[in-house]
Amino acid sequence: MKKIINIALIAFGITTVSAQETEKTQSPFTFSGYVETYYSYDFGKPDNHVRPGFIYSHNKHNEVNLNLGLAKVNYATENVRGNFALMAGTYAQYNLAAEQDLLKNVYEANVGVKISSKHNLWIDAGIMPSHIGFESAIGKDCATLTRSILADNSPYYEAGVKIGYTSKNEKWYLAAMYLNGWQRIQKIDGNQTPAFGTQVTYKPTAKTTLNWSTYVGNEQPDNVKKWRYFNNFYGQFKVSEKTSLIAGFDIGAQQKATESDQYDVWFAPILIAQYKPTTKIQLAARAEYYADEKGVIIATATPNGFKTYGFSTNFDYLVANNVMFRVEARTLNSKDDIFLKNTDPSNQNVFLTTALAISF
């Protein structure tokens, strides 16, 4: 009888599909994309149109450019998942400069398998977004237009194997990684040393996220091995429906020399506040400091090394649900004259940046 009714409904142009049949026919593939164009004006006026060397995103001066153009395909079933994304733009050009040519335009390429029928436990392998930090290469997901100093100088991506566990109440996420290195797909020549990472994320409420990520590895050839230890802490807090806060702190240490018991230390605190007065407008302010006196991450060859604090203000306008226009004013001030202004040494760098981004 049910079959006869269905045939009659189809004859009149009416179809009935059960929830089970819908689930079976739903494609495991999803496709997405992101394009972010920008224009940045550096009042230091660099002749080569490239902003200071420790800035890797939105780093071209006085020219309209593409920071990130991204096309992604995702595959997801109950027990298997995979991601593949290709990219172009100045983000790829400068962040992946050390990678081999065929990998410089790969944003993500990984496969994951669920290894437990009772628990949300996965193993993922390949090229993945970094487990460090609250900022990513995708600008729309960040509170500020440009990336912070600590984000630009810690890994955006990583290559390796990860085992990750999410608790049933989704309040805890625990992960451990075997990695090729500090933001590396291909290892350094002469380096056979494994690198490791961990991540612990705790969400006590829907309005609070606390994270602790670590990295341990050697970024030199093995004959001049120097162990690096790094910790990344941050908290994200939704203070009200319109106000959010992010507080972060990075601290790292690297051996001064092979087998040395002395270490060079760098650290970076940051605070970002975001306010949304309307559904179309977002405002943000950032205060940051980065201290790397011995030049482990940012070398300056100056007496005090890299000791720089910065402030920025941000205005975002949501042109549509998937289109964002942004303007940011930012200033950086250093203890030493590490910047240039009209080819003269300066301890200050001021720049304005605008961006227009679409996601689909």
Protein backbone atom coordinates (compact mmCIF):
# COMPACT_ATOMS: atom_id res chain seq x y z
CA MET A 1 0.00 0.00 0.00
CA LYS A 2 2.83 2.40 0.93
CA LYS A 3 4.48 1.72 -2.43
CA ILE A 4 1.22 2.53 -4.30
CA ILE A 5 0.84 5.81 -2.39
CA ASN A 6 4.41 6.83 -3.19
CA ILE A 7 3.90 6.06 -6.88
CA ALA A 8 0.74 8.20 -6.87
CA LEU A 9 2.55 11.09 -5.16
CA ILE A 10 5.40 10.93 -7.66
CA ALA A 11 2.90 10.96 -10.50
CA PHE A 12 1.56 14.29 -9.20
CA GLY A 13 5.10 15.71 -8.80
CA ILE A 14 5.23 15.12 -5.04
CA THR A 15 8.09 13.09 -3.57
CA THR A 16 8.52 11.75 -0.08
CA VAL A 17 11.96 10.92 1.29
CA SER A 18 12.52 9.46 4.72
CA ALA A 19 15.15 10.86 7.11
CA GLN A 20 17.14 7.64 6.72
CA GLU A 21 17.10 7.92 2.92
CA THR A 22 18.14 11.61 3.14
CA GLU A 23 21.09 10.66 5.32
CA LYS A 24 22.16 8.03 2.81
CA THR A 25 21.99 10.41 -0.15
CA GLN A 26 23.70 13.37 1.56
CA SER A 27 27.14 13.92 0.03
CA PRO A 28 30.17 13.58 2.34
CA PHE A 29 31.89 16.37 0.37
CA THR A 30 31.70 20.08 1.10
CA PHE A 31 33.40 22.83 -0.87
CA SER A 32 34.40 26.26 0.41
CA GLY A 33 36.56 29.22 -0.47
CA TYR A 34 38.02 32.42 0.94
CA VAL A 35 39.51 35.48 -0.75
CA GLU A 36 41.08 38.37 1.17
CA THR A 37 42.52 41.37 -0.68
CA TYR A 38 44.30 44.21 1.11
CA TYR A 39 46.12 47.51 0.86
CA SER A 40 48.64 48.57 3.51
CA TYR A 41 50.46 51.89 3.76
CA ASP A 42 53.65 51.89 5.85
CA PHE A 43 54.73 55.42 6.85
CA GLY A 44 58.32 54.14 6.87
CA LYS A 45 57.97 53.94 3.06
CA PRO A 46 60.14 50.89 2.30
CA ASP A 47 61.59 51.11 -1.21
CA ASN A 48 61.09 47.40 -1.93
CA HIS A 49 57.43 47.53 -0.82
CA VAL A 50 58.07 44.84 1.84
CA ARG A 51 57.26 45.58 5.46
CA PRO A 52 59.61 44.60 8.37
CA GLY A 53 60.93 41.03 8.14
CA PHE A 54 59.08 39.69 11.20
CA ILE A 55 55.71 40.44 9.54
CA TYR A 56 54.54 37.62 7.26
CA SER A 57 50.88 38.50 6.62
CA HIS A 58 49.54 41.67 4.96
CA ASN A 59 53.19 42.63 4.51
CA LYS A 60 53.27 44.50 1.20
CA HIS A 61 53.45 48.31 1.32
CA ASN A 62 51.56 50.69 -0.95
CA GLU A 63 50.12 48.13 -3.34
CA VAL A 64 46.80 46.36 -3.65
CA ASN A 65 47.48 42.68 -3.15
CA LEU A 66 46.06 39.30 -2.24
CA ASN A 67 46.82 38.12 1.27
CA LEU A 68 45.07 34.76 0.93
CA GLY A 69 43.01 33.10 -1.77
CA LEU A 70 41.85 29.66 -0.68
CA ALA A 71 39.85 26.82 -2.26
CA LYS A 72 39.04 23.84 -0.04
CA VAL A 73 37.32 20.48 -0.28
CA ASN A 74 36.34 18.57 2.85
CA TYR A 75 35.30 14.92 3.12
CA ALA A 76 33.55 13.72 6.29
CA THR A 77 31.77 10.53 7.29
CA GLU A 78 31.20 8.99 10.69
CA ASN A 79 34.66 7.37 10.83
CA VAL A 80 36.76 9.05 8.13
CA ARG A 81 37.58 12.65 7.31
CA GLY A 82 39.92 14.53 5.03
CA ASN A 83 40.80 18.05 3.94
CA PHE A 84 42.58 19.41 0.89
CA ALA A 85 43.06 23.12 0.23
CA LEU A 86 45.17 25.10 -2.22
CA MET A 87 46.09 28.74 -1.75
CA ALA A 88 47.76 31.78 -3.28
CA GLY A 89 48.73 35.20 -1.98
CA THR A 90 51.43 36.98 0.00
CA TYR A 91 50.64 34.84 3.06
CA ALA A 92 51.68 31.74 1.12
CA GLN A 93 54.63 33.50 -0.52
CA TYR A 94 56.29 34.54 2.75
CA ASN A 95 55.16 31.92 5.27
CA LEU A 96 56.07 28.95 3.06
CA ALA A 97 59.20 30.43 1.50
CA ALA A 98 61.35 27.61 2.91
CA GLU A 99 59.20 24.80 1.48
CA GLN A 100 59.76 22.99 -1.81
CA ASP A 101 57.95 24.46 -4.80
CA LEU A 102 55.20 21.84 -5.10
CA LEU A 103 54.14 22.42 -1.48
CA LYS A 104 54.24 26.21 -1.31
CA ASN A 105 50.60 26.51 -2.38
CA VAL A 106 49.21 23.75 -0.14
CA TYR A 107 47.23 25.23 2.75
CA GLU A 108 46.00 21.91 4.10
CA ALA A 109 46.19 18.24 3.08
CA ASN A 110 45.32 15.66 5.70
CA VAL A 111 43.30 12.53 6.38
CA GLY A 112 41.77 11.37 9.66
CA VAL A 113 40.39 8.09 10.98
CA LYS A 114 38.24 7.56 14.07
CA ILE A 115 39.87 4.77 16.06
CA SER A 116 37.24 4.19 18.76
CA SER A 117 33.59 3.23 18.46
CA LYS A 118 32.83 4.45 22.00
CA HIS A 119 34.89 7.66 22.19
CA ASN A 120 35.53 10.69 19.98
CA LEU A 121 39.15 9.68 19.34
CA TRP A 122 40.83 10.44 16.02
CA ILE A 123 44.20 10.09 14.33
CA ASP A 124 44.95 12.70 11.67
CA ALA A 125 48.04 12.85 9.45
CA GLY A 126 49.37 15.27 6.86
CA ILE A 127 49.61 19.06 6.60
CA MET A 128 47.35 20.67 9.20
CA PRO A 129 46.62 24.05 10.76
CA SER A 130 48.88 24.67 13.75
CA HIS A 131 47.75 23.62 17.21
CA ILE A 132 49.36 26.81 18.56
CA GLY A 133 47.57 30.12 19.03
CA PHE A 134 44.14 31.70 18.62
CA GLU A 135 44.84 33.43 15.27
CA SER A 136 44.84 31.79 11.87
CA ALA A 137 45.67 32.77 8.29
CA ILE A 138 41.94 33.25 7.58
CA GLY A 139 41.35 36.87 8.53
CA LYS A 140 37.57 36.70 8.97
CA ASP A 141 38.10 34.32 11.90
CA CYS A 142 40.37 36.81 13.72
CA ALA A 143 39.33 39.81 15.80
CA THR A 144 41.92 42.06 14.12
CA LEU A 145 42.74 42.67 10.46
CA THR A 146 46.51 42.04 10.73
CA ARG A 147 48.10 39.24 12.69
CA SER A 148 49.80 39.87 16.03
CA ILE A 149 53.58 39.66 16.38
CA LEU A 150 53.30 36.43 18.38
CA ALA A 151 51.04 34.86 15.71
CA ASP A 152 53.31 35.82 12.79
CA ASN A 153 56.31 34.37 14.67
CA SER A 154 54.87 31.04 15.77
CA PRO A 155 53.58 28.24 13.51
CA TYR A 156 50.52 28.80 11.31
CA TYR A 157 50.74 25.24 9.98
CA GLU A 158 52.41 21.93 10.80
CA ALA A 159 53.07 18.56 9.20
CA GLY A 160 52.90 15.32 11.14
CA VAL A 161 50.57 12.92 12.94
CA LYS A 162 48.07 13.91 15.61
CA ILE A 163 45.93 11.91 18.02
CA GLY A 164 43.04 13.95 19.40
CA TYR A 165 40.27 13.26 21.93
CA THR A 166 37.10 15.26 22.59
CA SER A 167 35.13 14.46 25.74
CA LYS A 168 31.45 13.49 25.52
CA ASN A 169 30.35 16.79 27.04
CA GLU A 170 32.72 18.59 24.58
CA LYS A 171 34.31 20.57 27.40
CA TRP A 172 37.75 18.97 26.98
CA TYR A 173 39.96 18.53 23.95
CA LEU A 174 43.30 16.71 24.35
CA ALA A 175 45.85 16.15 21.59
CA ALA A 176 49.44 15.01 21.07
CA MET A 177 51.48 15.41 17.85
CA TYR A 178 54.58 14.01 16.19
CA LEU A 179 55.81 16.81 13.92
CA ASN A 180 58.40 17.55 11.24
CA GLY A 181 59.39 20.76 12.98
CA TRP A 182 58.49 24.35 13.82
CA GLN A 183 56.20 25.38 10.93
CA ARG A 184 57.82 22.93 8.53
CA ILE A 185 56.62 20.48 5.92
CA GLN A 186 60.09 19.37 4.82
CA LYS A 187 62.71 18.88 7.53
CA ILE A 188 66.00 20.75 7.65
CA ASP A 189 68.89 18.99 5.92
CA GLY A 190 70.93 17.08 8.49
CA ASN A 191 68.08 17.09 11.01
CA GLN A 192 66.77 13.66 12.06
CA THR A 193 65.41 14.86 15.41
CA PRO A 194 61.69 14.29 16.06
CA ALA A 195 59.53 17.18 17.26
CA PHE A 196 56.47 16.96 19.46
CA GLY A 197 53.46 19.04 20.42
CA THR A 198 50.54 18.87 22.83
CA GLN A 199 47.28 20.74 23.25
CA VAL A 200 44.76 20.97 26.10
CA THR A 201 41.58 22.98 25.56
CA TYR A 202 38.95 23.41 28.28
CA LYS A 203 35.55 25.03 27.80
CA PRO A 204 33.93 25.30 31.24
CA THR A 205 31.01 27.26 29.73
CA ALA A 206 29.84 28.28 26.28
CA LYS A 207 31.35 31.72 26.93
CA THR A 208 34.86 30.67 28.01
CA THR A 209 37.70 28.81 26.28
CA LEU A 210 41.06 28.11 27.94
CA ASN A 211 43.98 26.66 25.98
CA TRP A 212 47.51 25.43 26.64
CA SER A 213 49.66 24.30 23.71
CA THR A 214 53.29 23.16 23.74
CA TYR A 215 56.10 22.42 21.31
CA VAL A 216 59.42 20.61 21.78
CA GLY A 217 61.96 20.19 19.00
CA ASN A 218 65.30 21.01 17.43
CA GLU A 219 65.44 23.53 14.57
CA GLN A 220 69.12 22.98 13.67
CA PRO A 221 71.10 20.21 11.95
CA ASP A 222 71.78 17.43 14.45
CA ASN A 223 75.51 18.22 14.73
CA VAL A 224 74.63 21.64 16.21
CA LYS A 225 71.43 20.57 17.97
CA LYS A 226 69.65 23.11 20.17
CA TRP A 227 66.47 21.99 21.92
CA ARG A 228 63.56 24.42 21.80
CA TYR A 229 60.74 24.40 24.37
CA PHE A 230 57.65 26.51 23.82
CA ASN A 231 54.39 27.18 25.67
CA ASN A 232 51.32 28.99 24.35
CA PHE A 233 48.53 30.02 26.72
CA TYR A 234 45.34 31.87 25.88
CA GLY A 235 41.82 32.47 27.10
CA GLN A 236 38.79 33.61 25.11
CA PHE A 237 35.95 35.18 27.06
CA LYS A 238 32.52 36.32 25.89
CA VAL A 239 31.88 39.04 28.47
CA SER A 240 28.46 39.95 27.05
CA GLU A 241 26.47 39.58 23.85
CA LYS A 242 28.47 42.46 22.35
CA THR A 243 31.86 42.26 24.08
CA SER A 244 34.62 39.64 23.87
CA LEU A 245 38.15 39.48 25.30
CA ILE A 246 41.20 37.45 24.34
CA ALA A 247 44.24 37.23 26.62
CA GLY A 248 47.35 35.32 25.54
CA PHE A 249 50.90 34.64 26.63
CA ASP A 250 53.71 32.85 24.77
CA ILE A 251 57.02 31.86 26.33
CA GLY A 252 59.83 29.86 24.76
CA ALA A 253 63.38 28.80 25.57
CA GLN A 254 66.15 27.45 23.36
CA GLN A 255 69.57 26.09 24.30
CA LYS A 256 72.36 28.63 23.89
CA ALA A 257 74.60 25.92 22.43
CA THR A 258 74.62 22.17 21.82
CA GLU A 259 74.26 20.24 25.12
CA SER A 260 74.21 23.53 27.05
CA ASP A 261 72.26 23.87 30.29
CA GLN A 262 71.73 27.57 29.59
CA TYR A 263 68.82 28.90 27.55
CA ASP A 264 67.80 31.98 25.59
CA VAL A 265 64.23 32.98 26.48
CA TRP A 266 61.60 34.95 24.61
CA PHE A 267 58.06 35.84 25.65
CA ALA A 268 54.99 37.72 24.40
CA PRO A 269 51.83 38.85 26.23
CA ILE A 270 48.77 40.11 24.33
CA LEU A 271 45.28 41.45 25.03
CA ILE A 272 42.52 41.96 22.43
CA ALA A 273 39.07 43.42 23.10
CA GLN A 274 36.24 43.30 20.57
CA TYR A 275 32.92 45.16 20.71
CA LYS A 276 29.96 44.73 18.36
CA PRO A 277 27.64 47.76 18.65
CA THR A 278 25.42 46.50 15.81
CA THR A 279 25.04 43.34 13.76
CA LYS A 280 26.98 45.03 10.93
CA ILE A 281 29.83 46.71 12.83
CA GLN A 282 32.73 45.27 14.85
CA LEU A 283 35.34 47.28 16.74
CA ALA A 284 38.57 45.91 18.20
CA ALA A 285 41.62 47.14 20.10
CA ARG A 286 44.90 45.28 20.67
CA ALA A 287 47.85 45.76 23.01
CA GLU A 288 50.89 43.50 22.60
CA TYR A 289 54.52 43.11 23.59
CA TYR A 290 57.22 40.81 22.22
CA ALA A 291 60.62 40.38 23.87
CA ASP A 292 63.35 38.34 22.15
CA GLU A 293 66.58 39.83 23.43
CA LYS A 294 68.85 37.10 22.01
CA GLY A 295 67.18 36.91 18.62
CA VAL A 296 66.03 33.28 18.75
CA ILE A 297 62.94 34.01 16.64
CA ILE A 298 63.43 37.63 15.53
CA ALA A 299 67.06 38.64 15.01
CA THR A 300 67.94 42.35 14.98
CA ALA A 301 71.73 42.56 15.62
CA THR A 302 71.04 45.48 18.00
CA PRO A 303 72.19 45.87 21.65
CA ASN A 304 68.79 45.08 23.22
CA GLY A 305 67.51 42.68 20.60
CA PHE A 306 63.85 42.67 19.69
CA LYS A 307 61.82 44.35 22.44
CA THR A 308 58.73 45.78 20.83
CA TYR A 309 55.29 46.79 22.00
CA GLY A 310 52.35 47.66 19.79
CA PHE A 311 48.80 48.99 19.71
CA SER A 312 46.10 48.78 17.08
CA THR A 313 42.47 49.74 16.53
CA ASN A 314 40.14 47.96 14.16
CA PHE A 315 36.88 48.80 12.38
CA ASP A 316 34.94 46.09 10.54
CA TYR A 317 31.81 46.47 8.45
CA LEU A 318 29.87 43.38 7.40
CA VAL A 319 28.75 44.28 3.89
CA ALA A 320 26.88 40.96 3.70
CA ASN A 321 26.83 37.78 5.74
CA ASN A 322 29.90 36.53 3.88
CA VAL A 323 31.62 39.82 2.95
CA MET A 324 33.72 41.90 5.36
CA PHE A 325 35.40 45.29 4.89
CA ARG A 326 38.08 46.16 7.46
CA VAL A 327 40.28 49.12 8.40
CA GLU A 328 43.10 49.01 10.94
CA ALA A 329 45.58 51.54 12.33
CA ARG A 330 48.61 50.06 14.05
CA THR A 331 51.81 51.30 15.65
CA LEU A 332 54.91 49.39 16.78
CA ASN A 333 57.56 50.84 19.09
CA SER A 334 60.91 49.20 19.82
CA LYS A 335 63.67 49.83 22.35
CA ASP A 336 66.26 49.94 19.55
CA ASP A 337 66.13 51.48 16.08
CA ILE A 338 65.06 48.32 14.26
CA PHE A 339 62.75 50.05 11.75
CA LEU A 340 63.38 52.38 8.84
CA LYS A 341 61.68 55.68 8.09
CA ASN A 342 62.63 57.17 4.74
CA THR A 343 65.77 54.95 4.80
CA ASP A 344 66.79 56.32 8.25
CA PRO A 345 66.85 54.12 11.39
CA SER A 346 63.81 54.52 13.65
CA ASN A 347 62.36 52.88 16.73
CA GLN A 348 58.76 53.35 15.55
CA ASN A 349 56.66 51.91 12.75
CA VAL A 350 53.17 53.19 11.89
CA PHE A 351 50.92 51.73 9.22
CA LEU A 352 47.32 51.64 8.00
CA THR A 353 45.72 48.60 6.43
CA THR A 354 42.40 47.96 4.72
CA ALA A 355 41.01 44.62 3.59
CA LEU A 356 38.02 43.24 1.75
CA ALA A 357 37.25 39.56 2.24
CA ILE A 358 34.62 37.11 1.02
CA SER A 359 33.95 33.56 2.17
CA PHE A 360 31.85 31.04 0.29
